[in-house]
Amino acid sequence: MRTGLSLLALAAVAALPGCAGSMASLAGPQTFQALGHDPGWILTLRGERLRFVGTDPRTVMEIVPPLPEALPYGRRYASERLTLEITRRPCNDIRSGIAFSDTVSVVVDGYNHQGCGGERMPLLDL
């Protein structure tokens, strides 16, 4: 059963035309969005803002993202309370089967969150 946040997150990712940017360079797209479930969360990285909203524990965090660190297949943003890793590996959302270009890991205040983000890849949908 999908939660309200899950449906909202999927709708937000699908509805924003600018969120389907490429993650090929460290500079990244203007807007990057990611989402995950169990617990539900959504992350938006837009310009000078990184916003994370999670359901368990209920968390809303907005920060100026630190400079990204290059990884072999992606990039990492690490701050005192939040670490975001974006890996260029296709990922299917566990609830909907919708495919995205990137596998995403977020640690917020010690809580791990796994999910998908980046470009939609409809040919890989389950």
PDB file of N, CA and C in Angstrom:
ATOM      1  N   MET A   1       0.844  -1.181   0.000  1.00  0.00           N
ATOM      2  CA  MET A   1       0.000   0.000   0.000  1.00  0.00           C
ATOM      3  C   MET A   1       0.886   1.240   0.000  1.00  0.00           C
ATOM      4  N   ARG A   2       0.630   2.169  -0.897  1.00  0.00           N
ATOM      5  CA  ARG A   2       1.432   3.383  -0.991  1.00  0.00           C
ATOM      6  C   ARG A   2       0.972   4.404   0.032  1.00  0.00           C
ATOM      7  N   THR A   3       1.934   5.093   0.620  1.00  0.00           N
ATOM      8  CA  THR A   3       1.599   6.149   1.565  1.00  0.00           C
ATOM      9  C   THR A   3       1.373   7.442   0.814  1.00  0.00           C
ATOM     10  N   GLY A   4       0.778   8.414   1.484  1.00  0.00           N
ATOM     11  CA  GLY A   4       0.554   9.717   0.876  1.00  0.00           C
ATOM     12  C   GLY A   4       1.853  10.351   0.416  1.00  0.00           C
ATOM     13  N   LEU A   5       2.921  10.249   1.232  1.00  0.00           N
ATOM     14  CA  LEU A   5       4.203  10.819   0.863  1.00  0.00           C
ATOM     15  C   LEU A   5       4.758  10.105  -0.362  1.00  0.00           C
ATOM     16  N   SER A   6       4.565   8.794  -0.454  1.00  0.00           N
ATOM     17  CA  SER A   6       5.059   8.042  -1.598  1.00  0.00           C
ATOM     18  C   SER A   6       4.424   8.540  -2.882  1.00  0.00           C
ATOM     19  N   LEU A   7       3.114   8.689  -2.878  1.00  0.00           N
ATOM     20  CA  LEU A   7       2.421   9.163  -4.066  1.00  0.00           C
ATOM     21  C   LEU A   7       2.814  10.591  -4.389  1.00  0.00           C
ATOM     22  N   LEU A   8       2.950  11.419  -3.366  1.00  0.00           N
ATOM     23  CA  LEU A   8       3.362  12.793  -3.568  1.00  0.00           C
ATOM     24  C   LEU A   8       4.758  12.845  -4.161  1.00  0.00           C
ATOM     25  N   ALA A   9       5.657  12.039  -3.640  1.00  0.00           N
ATOM     26  CA  ALA A   9       7.033  12.025  -4.140  1.00  0.00           C
ATOM     27  C   ALA A   9       7.076  11.578  -5.585  1.00  0.00           C
ATOM     28  N   LEU A  10       6.352  10.522  -5.927  1.00  0.00           N
ATOM     29  CA  LEU A  10       6.336  10.053  -7.309  1.00  0.00           C
ATOM     30  C   LEU A  10       5.739  11.095  -8.229  1.00  0.00           C
ATOM     31  N   ALA A  11       4.674  11.735  -7.794  1.00  0.00           N
ATOM     32  CA  ALA A  11       4.049  12.771  -8.607  1.00  0.00           C
ATOM     33  C   ALA A  11       4.991  13.946  -8.810  1.00  0.00           C
ATOM     34  N   ALA A  12       5.711  14.328  -7.756  1.00  0.00           N
ATOM     35  CA  ALA A  12       6.632  15.453  -7.861  1.00  0.00           C
ATOM     36  C   ALA A  12       7.752  15.153  -8.842  1.00  0.00           C
ATOM     37  N   VAL A  13       8.296  13.953  -8.782  1.00  0.00           N
ATOM     38  CA  VAL A  13       9.376  13.584  -9.691  1.00  0.00           C
ATOM     39  C   VAL A  13       8.871  13.509 -11.121  1.00  0.00           C
ATOM     40  N   ALA A  14       7.706  12.928 -11.324  1.00  0.00           N
ATOM     41  CA  ALA A  14       7.170  12.759 -12.674  1.00  0.00           C
ATOM     42  C   ALA A  14       6.697  14.080 -13.278  1.00  0.00           C
ATOM     43  N   ALA A  15       6.230  15.004 -12.447  1.00  0.00           N
ATOM     44  CA  ALA A  15       5.602  16.219 -12.958  1.00  0.00           C
ATOM     45  C   ALA A  15       6.574  17.345 -13.276  1.00  0.00           C
ATOM     46  N   LEU A  16       7.739  17.362 -12.688  1.00  0.00           N
ATOM     47  CA  LEU A  16       8.653  18.469 -12.908  1.00  0.00           C
ATOM     48  C   LEU A  16       9.548  18.205 -14.106  1.00  0.00           C
ATOM     49  N   PRO A  17       9.381  18.952 -15.188  1.00  0.00           N
ATOM     50  CA  PRO A  17      10.189  18.705 -16.364  1.00  0.00           C
ATOM     51  C   PRO A  17      11.668  18.964 -16.120  1.00  0.00           C
ATOM     52  N   GLY A  18      12.016  19.883 -15.247  1.00  0.00           N
ATOM     53  CA  GLY A  18      13.420  20.194 -15.005  1.00  0.00           C
ATOM     54  C   GLY A  18      14.143  19.183 -14.160  1.00  0.00           C
ATOM     55  N   CYS A  19      13.437  18.241 -13.546  1.00  0.00           N
ATOM     56  CA  CYS A  19      14.105  17.314 -12.642  1.00  0.00           C
ATOM     57  C   CYS A  19      14.701  16.127 -13.367  1.00  0.00           C
ATOM     58  N   ALA A  20      14.482  16.040 -14.656  1.00  0.00           N
ATOM     59  CA  ALA A  20      14.996  14.909 -15.406  1.00  0.00           C
ATOM     60  C   ALA A  20      16.348  15.217 -16.015  1.00  0.00           C
ATOM     61  N   GLY A  21      17.146  16.045 -15.365  1.00  0.00           N
ATOM     62  CA  GLY A  21      18.448  16.422 -15.904  1.00  0.00           C
ATOM     63  C   GLY A  21      19.471  15.307 -15.778  1.00  0.00           C
ATOM     64  N   SER A  22      20.545  15.459 -16.488  1.00  0.00           N
ATOM     65  CA  SER A  22      21.614  14.465 -16.481  1.00  0.00           C
ATOM     66  C   SER A  22      22.510  14.658 -15.269  1.00  0.00           C
ATOM     67  N   MET A  23      23.031  13.563 -14.756  1.00  0.00           N
ATOM     68  CA  MET A  23      23.933  13.614 -13.609  1.00  0.00           C
ATOM     69  C   MET A  23      25.364  13.342 -14.062  1.00  0.00           C
ATOM     70  N   ALA A  24      25.680  13.563 -15.330  1.00  0.00           N
ATOM     71  CA  ALA A  24      26.965  13.171 -15.894  1.00  0.00           C
ATOM     72  C   ALA A  24      28.139  13.955 -15.314  1.00  0.00           C
ATOM     73  N   SER A  25      27.959  15.208 -14.965  1.00  0.00           N
ATOM     74  CA  SER A  25      29.080  15.992 -14.468  1.00  0.00           C
ATOM     75  C   SER A  25      28.927  16.274 -12.988  1.00  0.00           C
ATOM     76  N   LEU A  26      30.018  16.670 -12.361  1.00  0.00           N
ATOM     77  CA  LEU A  26      29.948  17.027 -10.943  1.00  0.00           C
ATOM     78  C   LEU A  26      29.095  18.265 -10.726  1.00  0.00           C
ATOM     79  N   ALA A  27      29.032  19.138 -11.708  1.00  0.00           N
ATOM     80  CA  ALA A  27      28.199  20.328 -11.567  1.00  0.00           C
ATOM     81  C   ALA A  27      26.737  19.934 -11.454  1.00  0.00           C
ATOM     82  N   GLY A  28      26.334  18.874 -12.134  1.00  0.00           N
ATOM     83  CA  GLY A  28      24.996  18.323 -12.007  1.00  0.00           C
ATOM     84  C   GLY A  28      23.940  19.187 -12.658  1.00  0.00           C
ATOM     85  N   PRO A  29      22.712  18.716 -12.633  1.00  0.00           N
ATOM     86  CA  PRO A  29      21.603  19.447 -13.224  1.00  0.00           C
ATOM     87  C   PRO A  29      21.163  20.584 -12.317  1.00  0.00           C
ATOM     88  N   GLN A  30      20.293  21.421 -12.846  1.00  0.00           N
ATOM     89  CA  GLN A  30      19.736  22.492 -12.034  1.00  0.00           C
ATOM     90  C   GLN A  30      18.927  21.921 -10.874  1.00  0.00           C
ATOM     91  N   THR A  31      18.157  20.875 -11.133  1.00  0.00           N
ATOM     92  CA  THR A  31      17.353  20.248 -10.092  1.00  0.00           C
ATOM     93  C   THR A  31      17.563  18.737 -10.145  1.00  0.00           C
ATOM     94  N   PHE A  32      17.836  18.152  -8.991  1.00  0.00           N
ATOM     95  CA  PHE A  32      17.936  16.700  -8.862  1.00  0.00           C
ATOM     96  C   PHE A  32      16.951  16.290  -7.786  1.00  0.00           C
ATOM     97  N   GLN A  33      16.128  15.280  -8.076  1.00  0.00           N
ATOM     98  CA  GLN A  33      15.202  14.782  -7.071  1.00  0.00           C
ATOM     99  C   GLN A  33      15.394  13.293  -6.901  1.00  0.00           C
ATOM    100  N   ALA A  34      15.175  12.834  -5.677  1.00  0.00           N
ATOM    101  CA  ALA A  34      15.260  11.415  -5.350  1.00  0.00           C
ATOM    102  C   ALA A  34      14.173  11.090  -4.338  1.00  0.00           C
ATOM    103  N   LEU A  35      13.808   9.812  -4.270  1.00  0.00           N
ATOM    104  CA  LEU A  35      12.788   9.378  -3.328  1.00  0.00           C
ATOM    105  C   LEU A  35      13.059   7.949  -2.900  1.00  0.00           C
ATOM    106  N   GLY A  36      12.444   7.585  -1.797  1.00  0.00           N
ATOM    107  CA  GLY A  36      12.565   6.223  -1.300  1.00  0.00           C
ATOM    108  C   GLY A  36      11.418   5.905  -0.366  1.00  0.00           C
ATOM    109  N   HIS A  37      11.381   4.649   0.052  1.00  0.00           N
ATOM    110  CA  HIS A  37      10.286   4.151   0.881  1.00  0.00           C
ATOM    111  C   HIS A  37      10.843   3.318   2.030  1.00  0.00           C
ATOM    112  N   ASP A  38       9.975   3.082   2.996  1.00  0.00           N
ATOM    113  CA  ASP A  38      10.265   2.208   4.143  1.00  0.00           C
ATOM    114  C   ASP A  38      11.503   2.628   4.914  1.00  0.00           C
ATOM    115  N   PRO A  39      11.572   3.804   5.472  1.00  0.00           N
ATOM    116  CA  PRO A  39      10.536   4.835   5.550  1.00  0.00           C
ATOM    117  C   PRO A  39      10.534   5.731   4.314  1.00  0.00           C
ATOM    118  N   GLY A  40       9.416   6.416   4.092  1.00  0.00           N
ATOM    119  CA  GLY A  40       9.270   7.301   2.944  1.00  0.00           C
ATOM    120  C   GLY A  40      10.082   8.574   3.099  1.00  0.00           C
ATOM    121  N   TRP A  41      10.653   9.028   1.988  1.00  0.00           N
ATOM    122  CA  TRP A  41      11.427  10.265   1.985  1.00  0.00           C
ATOM    123  C   TRP A  41      11.495  10.830   0.573  1.00  0.00           C
ATOM    124  N   ILE A  42      11.782  12.126   0.473  1.00  0.00           N
ATOM    125  CA  ILE A  42      12.028  12.799  -0.799  1.00  0.00           C
ATOM    126  C   ILE A  42      13.139  13.812  -0.578  1.00  0.00           C
ATOM    127  N   LEU A  43      14.015  13.927  -1.570  1.00  0.00           N
ATOM    128  CA  LEU A  43      15.138  14.846  -1.499  1.00  0.00           C
ATOM    129  C   LEU A  43      15.143  15.679  -2.773  1.00  0.00           C
ATOM    130  N   THR A  44      15.385  16.975  -2.623  1.00  0.00           N
ATOM    131  CA  THR A  44      15.506  17.873  -3.769  1.00  0.00           C
ATOM    132  C   THR A  44      16.800  18.657  -3.612  1.00  0.00           C
ATOM    133  N   LEU A  45      17.619  18.628  -4.656  1.00  0.00           N
ATOM    134  CA  LEU A  45      18.862  19.391  -4.706  1.00  0.00           C
ATOM    135  C   LEU A  45      18.695  20.372  -5.853  1.00  0.00           C
ATOM    136  N   ARG A  46      18.551  21.645  -5.514  1.00  0.00           N
ATOM    137  CA  ARG A  46      18.301  22.674  -6.516  1.00  0.00           C
ATOM    138  C   ARG A  46      19.212  23.847  -6.230  1.00  0.00           C
ATOM    139  N   GLY A  47      20.158  24.090  -7.110  1.00  0.00           N
ATOM    140  CA  GLY A  47      21.061  25.228  -6.947  1.00  0.00           C
ATOM    141  C   GLY A  47      21.797  25.187  -5.623  1.00  0.00           C
ATOM    142  N   GLU A  48      21.555  26.176  -4.799  1.00  0.00           N
ATOM    143  CA  GLU A  48      22.245  26.307  -3.509  1.00  0.00           C
ATOM    144  C   GLU A  48      21.447  25.741  -2.337  1.00  0.00           C
ATOM    145  N   ARG A  49      20.438  24.895  -2.602  1.00  0.00           N
ATOM    146  CA  ARG A  49      19.622  24.331  -1.535  1.00  0.00           C
ATOM    147  C   ARG A  49      19.497  22.823  -1.684  1.00  0.00           C
ATOM    148  N   LEU A  50      19.592  22.130  -0.585  1.00  0.00           N
ATOM    149  CA  LEU A  50      19.327  20.698  -0.518  1.00  0.00           C
ATOM    150  C   LEU A  50      18.237  20.530   0.531  1.00  0.00           C
ATOM    151  N   ARG A  51      17.114  19.955   0.128  1.00  0.00           N
ATOM    152  CA  ARG A  51      15.979  19.776   1.043  1.00  0.00           C
ATOM    153  C   ARG A  51      15.663  18.295   1.149  1.00  0.00           C
ATOM    154  N   PHE A  52      15.539  17.811   2.387  1.00  0.00           N
ATOM    155  CA  PHE A  52      15.196  16.427   2.667  1.00  0.00           C
ATOM    156  C   PHE A  52      13.949  16.424   3.541  1.00  0.00           C
ATOM    157  N   VAL A  53      12.966  15.606   3.158  1.00  0.00           N
ATOM    158  CA  VAL A  53      11.762  15.419   3.967  1.00  0.00           C
ATOM    159  C   VAL A  53      11.585  13.925   4.164  1.00  0.00           C
ATOM    160  N   GLY A  54      11.575  13.484   5.410  1.00  0.00           N
ATOM    161  CA  GLY A  54      11.419  12.070   5.736  1.00  0.00           C
ATOM    162  C   GLY A  54      10.251  11.838   6.673  1.00  0.00           C
ATOM    163  N   THR A  55       9.757  10.595   6.683  1.00  0.00           N
ATOM    164  CA  THR A  55       8.589  10.286   7.510  1.00  0.00           C
ATOM    165  C   THR A  55       8.921   9.584   8.820  1.00  0.00           C
ATOM    166  N   ASP A  56      10.039   8.874   8.890  1.00  0.00           N
ATOM    167  CA  ASP A  56      10.330   8.098  10.105  1.00  0.00           C
ATOM    168  C   ASP A  56      11.821   8.073  10.387  1.00  0.00           C
ATOM    169  N   PRO A  57      12.287   8.871  11.333  1.00  0.00           N
ATOM    170  CA  PRO A  57      11.520   9.835  12.110  1.00  0.00           C
ATOM    171  C   PRO A  57      11.168  11.043  11.241  1.00  0.00           C
ATOM    172  N   ARG A  58      10.103  11.733  11.611  1.00  0.00           N
ATOM    173  CA  ARG A  58       9.648  12.900  10.844  1.00  0.00           C
ATOM    174  C   ARG A  58      10.783  13.913  10.813  1.00  0.00           C
ATOM    175  N   THR A  59      11.278  14.204   9.607  1.00  0.00           N
ATOM    176  CA  THR A  59      12.431  15.078   9.445  1.00  0.00           C
ATOM    177  C   THR A  59      12.201  16.021   8.272  1.00  0.00           C
ATOM    178  N   VAL A  60      12.435  17.282   8.484  1.00  0.00           N
ATOM    179  CA  VAL A  60      12.479  18.252   7.403  1.00  0.00           C
ATOM    180  C   VAL A  60      13.778  19.024   7.597  1.00  0.00           C
ATOM    181  N   MET A  61      14.644  18.954   6.589  1.00  0.00           N
ATOM    182  CA  MET A  61      15.948  19.600   6.691  1.00  0.00           C
ATOM    183  C   MET A  61      16.229  20.328   5.389  1.00  0.00           C
ATOM    184  N   GLU A  62      16.660  21.557   5.485  1.00  0.00           N
ATOM    185  CA  GLU A  62      17.076  22.306   4.310  1.00  0.00           C
ATOM    186  C   GLU A  62      18.425  22.931   4.624  1.00  0.00           C
ATOM    187  N   ILE A  63      19.411  22.630   3.777  1.00  0.00           N
ATOM    188  CA  ILE A  63      20.765  23.109   4.005  1.00  0.00           C
ATOM    189  C   ILE A  63      21.368  23.628   2.705  1.00  0.00           C
ATOM    190  N   VAL A  64      22.441  24.391   2.832  1.00  0.00           N
ATOM    191  CA  VAL A  64      23.277  24.719   1.689  1.00  0.00           C
ATOM    192  C   VAL A  64      24.184  23.495   1.510  1.00  0.00           C
ATOM    193  N   PRO A  65      24.114  22.836   0.357  1.00  0.00           N
ATOM    194  CA  PRO A  65      24.887  21.609   0.209  1.00  0.00           C
ATOM    195  C   PRO A  65      26.383  21.897   0.169  1.00  0.00           C
ATOM    196  N   PRO A  66      27.157  21.024   0.797  1.00  0.00           N
ATOM    197  CA  PRO A  66      28.609  21.173   0.688  1.00  0.00           C
ATOM    198  C   PRO A  66      29.041  20.870  -0.745  1.00  0.00           C
ATOM    199  N   LEU A  67      30.263  21.212  -1.085  1.00  0.00           N
ATOM    200  CA  LEU A  67      30.777  20.887  -2.411  1.00  0.00           C
ATOM    201  C   LEU A  67      30.785  19.372  -2.599  1.00  0.00           C
ATOM    202  N   PRO A  68      30.425  18.898  -3.790  1.00  0.00           N
ATOM    203  CA  PRO A  68      30.399  17.450  -4.018  1.00  0.00           C
ATOM    204  C   PRO A  68      31.805  16.880  -4.121  1.00  0.00           C
ATOM    205  N   GLU A  69      31.933  15.662  -3.662  1.00  0.00           N
ATOM    206  CA  GLU A  69      33.177  14.895  -3.769  1.00  0.00           C
ATOM    207  C   GLU A  69      32.956  13.860  -4.874  1.00  0.00           C
ATOM    208  N   ALA A  70      33.893  13.784  -5.798  1.00  0.00           N
ATOM    209  CA  ALA A  70      33.770  12.823  -6.898  1.00  0.00           C
ATOM    210  C   ALA A  70      33.945  11.403  -6.383  1.00  0.00           C
ATOM    211  N   LEU A  71      33.081  10.514  -6.831  1.00  0.00           N
ATOM    212  CA  LEU A  71      33.180   9.084  -6.558  1.00  0.00           C
ATOM    213  C   LEU A  71      33.428   8.392  -7.903  1.00  0.00           C
ATOM    214  N   PRO A  72      33.897   7.148  -7.905  1.00  0.00           N
ATOM    215  CA  PRO A  72      34.158   6.481  -9.185  1.00  0.00           C
ATOM    216  C   PRO A  72      32.957   6.477 -10.134  1.00  0.00           C
ATOM    217  N   TYR A  73      31.749   6.348  -9.599  1.00  0.00           N
ATOM    218  CA  TYR A  73      30.558   6.296 -10.440  1.00  0.00           C
ATOM    219  C   TYR A  73      29.485   7.263  -9.975  1.00  0.00           C
ATOM    220  N   GLY A  74      29.890   8.401  -9.434  1.00  0.00           N
ATOM    221  CA  GLY A  74      28.895   9.347  -8.963  1.00  0.00           C
ATOM    222  C   GLY A  74      29.520  10.458  -8.158  1.00  0.00           C
ATOM    223  N   ARG A  75      28.804  10.863  -7.110  1.00  0.00           N
ATOM    224  CA  ARG A  75      29.280  11.952  -6.261  1.00  0.00           C
ATOM    225  C   ARG A  75      28.690  11.829  -4.862  1.00  0.00           C
ATOM    226  N   ARG A  76      29.329  12.508  -3.915  1.00  0.00           N
ATOM    227  CA  ARG A  76      28.904  12.493  -2.506  1.00  0.00           C
ATOM    228  C   ARG A  76      28.908  13.921  -1.973  1.00  0.00           C
ATOM    229  N   TYR A  77      27.876  14.209  -1.192  1.00  0.00           N
ATOM    230  CA  TYR A  77      27.789  15.459  -0.440  1.00  0.00           C
ATOM    231  C   TYR A  77      27.790  15.051   1.028  1.00  0.00           C
ATOM    232  N   ALA A  78      28.705  15.596   1.814  1.00  0.00           N
ATOM    233  CA  ALA A  78      28.768  15.224   3.225  1.00  0.00           C
ATOM    234  C   ALA A  78      28.792  16.476   4.097  1.00  0.00           C
ATOM    235  N   SER A  79      27.810  16.561   5.007  1.00  0.00           N
ATOM    236  CA  SER A  79      27.774  17.631   5.989  1.00  0.00           C
ATOM    237  C   SER A  79      27.731  16.970   7.368  1.00  0.00           C
ATOM    238  N   GLU A  80      27.627  17.773   8.388  1.00  0.00           N
ATOM    239  CA  GLU A  80      27.612  17.243   9.758  1.00  0.00           C
ATOM    240  C   GLU A  80      26.422  16.315  10.004  1.00  0.00           C
ATOM    241  N   ARG A  81      25.245  16.661   9.482  1.00  0.00           N
ATOM    242  CA  ARG A  81      24.028  15.880   9.764  1.00  0.00           C
ATOM    243  C   ARG A  81      23.536  15.036   8.597  1.00  0.00           C
ATOM    244  N   LEU A  82      24.033  15.302   7.387  1.00  0.00           N
ATOM    245  CA  LEU A  82      23.499  14.636   6.212  1.00  0.00           C
ATOM    246  C   LEU A  82      24.625  14.218   5.266  1.00  0.00           C
ATOM    247  N   THR A  83      24.539  12.984   4.782  1.00  0.00           N
ATOM    248  CA  THR A  83      25.447  12.508   3.733  1.00  0.00           C
ATOM    249  C   THR A  83      24.587  11.965   2.601  1.00  0.00           C
ATOM    250  N   LEU A  84      24.834  12.466   1.396  1.00  0.00           N
ATOM    251  CA  LEU A  84      24.098  12.064   0.204  1.00  0.00           C
ATOM    252  C   LEU A  84      25.081  11.460  -0.778  1.00  0.00           C
ATOM    253  N   GLU A  85      24.808  10.220  -1.212  1.00  0.00           N
ATOM    254  CA  GLU A  85      25.608   9.586  -2.257  1.00  0.00           C
ATOM    255  C   GLU A  85      24.718   9.290  -3.445  1.00  0.00           C
ATOM    256  N   ILE A  86      25.142   9.761  -4.607  1.00  0.00           N
ATOM    257  CA  ILE A  86      24.419   9.546  -5.862  1.00  0.00           C
ATOM    258  C   ILE A  86      25.322   8.693  -6.735  1.00  0.00           C
ATOM    259  N   THR A  87      24.861   7.498  -7.070  1.00  0.00           N
ATOM    260  CA  THR A  87      25.640   6.561  -7.878  1.00  0.00           C
ATOM    261  C   THR A  87      24.963   6.384  -9.226  1.00  0.00           C
ATOM    262  N   ARG A  88      25.728   6.517 -10.308  1.00  0.00           N
ATOM    263  CA  ARG A  88      25.194   6.335 -11.667  1.00  0.00           C
ATOM    264  C   ARG A  88      24.952   4.856 -11.918  1.00  0.00           C
ATOM    265  N   ARG A  89      23.867   4.359 -11.366  1.00  0.00           N
ATOM    266  CA  ARG A  89      23.455   2.963 -11.553  1.00  0.00           C
ATOM    267  C   ARG A  89      21.937   2.956 -11.599  1.00  0.00           C
ATOM    268  N   PRO A  90      21.335   2.441 -12.686  1.00  0.00           N
ATOM    269  CA  PRO A  90      19.876   2.442 -12.773  1.00  0.00           C
ATOM    270  C   PRO A  90      19.236   1.819 -11.539  1.00  0.00           C
ATOM    271  N   CYS A  91      18.073   2.351 -11.202  1.00  0.00           N
ATOM    272  CA  CYS A  91      17.388   1.971  -9.977  1.00  0.00           C
ATOM    273  C   CYS A  91      15.887   1.975 -10.242  1.00  0.00           C
ATOM    274  N   ASN A  92      15.202   0.949  -9.751  1.00  0.00           N
ATOM    275  CA  ASN A  92      13.740   0.907  -9.851  1.00  0.00           C
ATOM    276  C   ASN A  92      13.148   1.174  -8.483  1.00  0.00           C
ATOM    277  N   ASP A  93      12.201   2.114  -8.431  1.00  0.00           N
ATOM    278  CA  ASP A  93      11.501   2.419  -7.197  1.00  0.00           C
ATOM    279  C   ASP A  93      10.826   1.144  -6.685  1.00  0.00           C
ATOM    280  N   ILE A  94      11.007   0.820  -5.408  1.00  0.00           N
ATOM    281  CA  ILE A  94      10.518  -0.460  -4.868  1.00  0.00           C
ATOM    282  C   ILE A  94       9.000  -0.550  -4.827  1.00  0.00           C
ATOM    283  N   ARG A  95       8.295   0.561  -4.794  1.00  0.00           N
ATOM    284  CA  ARG A  95       6.831   0.528  -4.735  1.00  0.00           C
ATOM    285  C   ARG A  95       6.171   0.552  -6.097  1.00  0.00           C
ATOM    286  N   SER A  96       6.700   1.370  -7.004  1.00  0.00           N
ATOM    287  CA  SER A  96       6.030   1.578  -8.290  1.00  0.00           C
ATOM    288  C   SER A  96       6.688   0.843  -9.449  1.00  0.00           C
ATOM    289  N   GLY A  97       7.966   0.488  -9.308  1.00  0.00           N
ATOM    290  CA  GLY A  97       8.706  -0.107 -10.409  1.00  0.00           C
ATOM    291  C   GLY A  97       9.243   0.916 -11.390  1.00  0.00           C
ATOM    292  N   ILE A  98       8.983   2.215 -11.150  1.00  0.00           N
ATOM    293  CA  ILE A  98       9.466   3.271 -12.034  1.00  0.00           C
ATOM    294  C   ILE A  98      10.992   3.302 -11.982  1.00  0.00           C
ATOM    295  N   ALA A  99      11.618   3.395 -13.174  1.00  0.00           N
ATOM    296  CA  ALA A  99      13.079   3.368 -13.270  1.00  0.00           C
ATOM    297  C   ALA A  99      13.665   4.777 -13.321  1.00  0.00           C
ATOM    298  N   PHE A 100      14.795   4.934 -12.647  1.00  0.00           N
ATOM    299  CA  PHE A 100      15.546   6.182 -12.612  1.00  0.00           C
ATOM    300  C   PHE A 100      17.007   5.886 -12.938  1.00  0.00           C
ATOM    301  N   SER A 101      17.746   6.920 -13.302  1.00  0.00           N
ATOM    302  CA  SER A 101      19.139   6.756 -13.715  1.00  0.00           C
ATOM    303  C   SER A 101      20.099   6.510 -12.566  1.00  0.00           C
ATOM    304  N   ASP A 102      19.716   6.885 -11.344  1.00  0.00           N
ATOM    305  CA  ASP A 102      20.667   6.864 -10.231  1.00  0.00           C
ATOM    306  C   ASP A 102      20.145   6.120  -9.005  1.00  0.00           C
ATOM    307  N   THR A 103      21.068   5.459  -8.324  1.00  0.00           N
ATOM    308  CA  THR A 103      20.801   4.856  -7.029  1.00  0.00           C
ATOM    309  C   THR A 103      21.259   5.866  -5.983  1.00  0.00           C
ATOM    310  N   VAL A 104      20.424   6.113  -4.967  1.00  0.00           N
ATOM    311  CA  VAL A 104      20.687   7.172  -4.010  1.00  0.00           C
ATOM    312  C   VAL A 104      20.681   6.621  -2.591  1.00  0.00           C
ATOM    313  N   SER A 105      21.652   7.065  -1.813  1.00  0.00           N
ATOM    314  CA  SER A 105      21.738   6.723  -0.393  1.00  0.00           C
ATOM    315  C   SER A 105      21.844   8.031   0.387  1.00  0.00           C
ATOM    316  N   VAL A 106      21.002   8.167   1.412  1.00  0.00           N
ATOM    317  CA  VAL A 106      21.023   9.362   2.248  1.00  0.00           C
ATOM    318  C   VAL A 106      21.093   8.915   3.702  1.00  0.00           C
ATOM    319  N   VAL A 107      22.007   9.490   4.447  1.00  0.00           N
ATOM    320  CA  VAL A 107      22.070   9.269   5.893  1.00  0.00           C
ATOM    321  C   VAL A 107      21.790  10.617   6.542  1.00  0.00           C
ATOM    322  N   VAL A 108      20.718  10.667   7.343  1.00  0.00           N
ATOM    323  CA  VAL A 108      20.326  11.898   8.029  1.00  0.00           C
ATOM    324  C   VAL A 108      20.277  11.602   9.517  1.00  0.00           C
ATOM    325  N   ASP A 109      21.094  12.298  10.279  1.00  0.00           N
ATOM    326  CA  ASP A 109      21.140  12.112  11.732  1.00  0.00           C
ATOM    327  C   ASP A 109      21.281  10.643  12.107  1.00  0.00           C
ATOM    328  N   GLY A 110      22.069   9.904  11.342  1.00  0.00           N
ATOM    329  CA  GLY A 110      22.329   8.498  11.639  1.00  0.00           C
ATOM    330  C   GLY A 110      21.318   7.516  11.064  1.00  0.00           C
ATOM    331  N   TYR A 111      20.239   7.989  10.451  1.00  0.00           N
ATOM    332  CA  TYR A 111      19.225   7.110   9.852  1.00  0.00           C
ATOM    333  C   TYR A 111      19.519   6.934   8.369  1.00  0.00           C
ATOM    334  N   ASN A 112      19.556   5.671   7.907  1.00  0.00           N
ATOM    335  CA  ASN A 112      19.847   5.355   6.513  1.00  0.00           C
ATOM    336  C   ASN A 112      18.575   5.340   5.677  1.00  0.00           C
ATOM    337  N   HIS A 113      18.663   5.898   4.487  1.00  0.00           N
ATOM    338  CA  HIS A 113      17.549   5.935   3.541  1.00  0.00           C
ATOM    339  C   HIS A 113      18.091   5.540   2.172  1.00  0.00           C
ATOM    340  N   GLN A 114      17.442   4.593   1.514  1.00  0.00           N
ATOM    341  CA  GLN A 114      17.857   4.121   0.191  1.00  0.00           C
ATOM    342  C   GLN A 114      16.755   4.418  -0.803  1.00  0.00           C
ATOM    343  N   GLY A 115      17.124   4.774  -2.022  1.00  0.00           N
ATOM    344  CA  GLY A 115      16.117   5.041  -3.036  1.00  0.00           C
ATOM    345  C   GLY A 115      16.713   5.320  -4.389  1.00  0.00           C
ATOM    346  N   CYS A 116      15.928   5.999  -5.225  1.00  0.00           N
ATOM    347  CA  CYS A 116      16.266   6.252  -6.612  1.00  0.00           C
ATOM    348  C   CYS A 116      16.082   7.729  -6.931  1.00  0.00           C
ATOM    349  N   GLY A 117      16.766   8.189  -7.981  1.00  0.00           N
ATOM    350  CA  GLY A 117      16.602   9.569  -8.395  1.00  0.00           C
ATOM    351  C   GLY A 117      17.206   9.832  -9.754  1.00  0.00           C
ATOM    352  N   GLY A 118      17.174  11.103 -10.138  1.00  0.00           N
ATOM    353  CA  GLY A 118      17.745  11.507 -11.416  1.00  0.00           C
ATOM    354  C   GLY A 118      16.755  11.375 -12.556  1.00  0.00           C
ATOM    355  N   GLU A 119      17.291  11.080 -13.738  1.00  0.00           N
ATOM    356  CA  GLU A 119      16.466  10.979 -14.940  1.00  0.00           C
ATOM    357  C   GLU A 119      15.521   9.797 -14.876  1.00  0.00           C
ATOM    358  N   ARG A 120      14.308   9.989 -15.395  1.00  0.00           N
ATOM    359  CA  ARG A 120      13.374   8.870 -15.578  1.00  0.00           C
ATOM    360  C   ARG A 120      13.880   8.018 -16.723  1.00  0.00           C
ATOM    361  N   MET A 121      13.760   6.723 -16.596  1.00  0.00           N
ATOM    362  CA  MET A 121      14.198   5.778 -17.622  1.00  0.00           C
ATOM    363  C   MET A 121      13.035   4.827 -17.910  1.00  0.00           C
ATOM    364  N   PRO A 122      11.985   5.300 -18.609  1.00  0.00           N
ATOM    365  CA  PRO A 122      10.759   4.515 -18.778  1.00  0.00           C
ATOM    366  C   PRO A 122      10.968   3.144 -19.422  1.00  0.00           C
ATOM    367  N   LEU A 123      11.983   2.992 -20.256  1.00  0.00           N
ATOM    368  CA  LEU A 123      12.213   1.695 -20.899  1.00  0.00           C
ATOM    369  C   LEU A 123      12.634   0.616 -19.901  1.00  0.00           C
ATOM    370  N   LEU A 124      13.090   1.050 -18.714  1.00  0.00           N
ATOM    371  CA  LEU A 124      13.516   0.087 -17.690  1.00  0.00           C
ATOM    372  C   LEU A 124      12.478  -0.110 -16.586  1.00  0.00           C
ATOM    373  N   ASP A 125      11.298   0.521 -16.728  1.00  0.00           N
ATOM    374  CA  ASP A 125      10.245   0.355 -15.718  1.00  0.00           C
ATOM    375  C   ASP A 125       9.887  -1.119 -15.583  1.00  0.00           C
ATOM    376  N   LEU A 126       9.588  -1.537 -14.355  1.00  0.00           N
ATOM    377  CA  LEU A 126       9.170  -2.933 -14.112  1.00  0.00           C
ATOM    378  C   LEU A 126       7.667  -3.058 -14.211  1.00  0.00           C
TER     379      LEU A 126
END
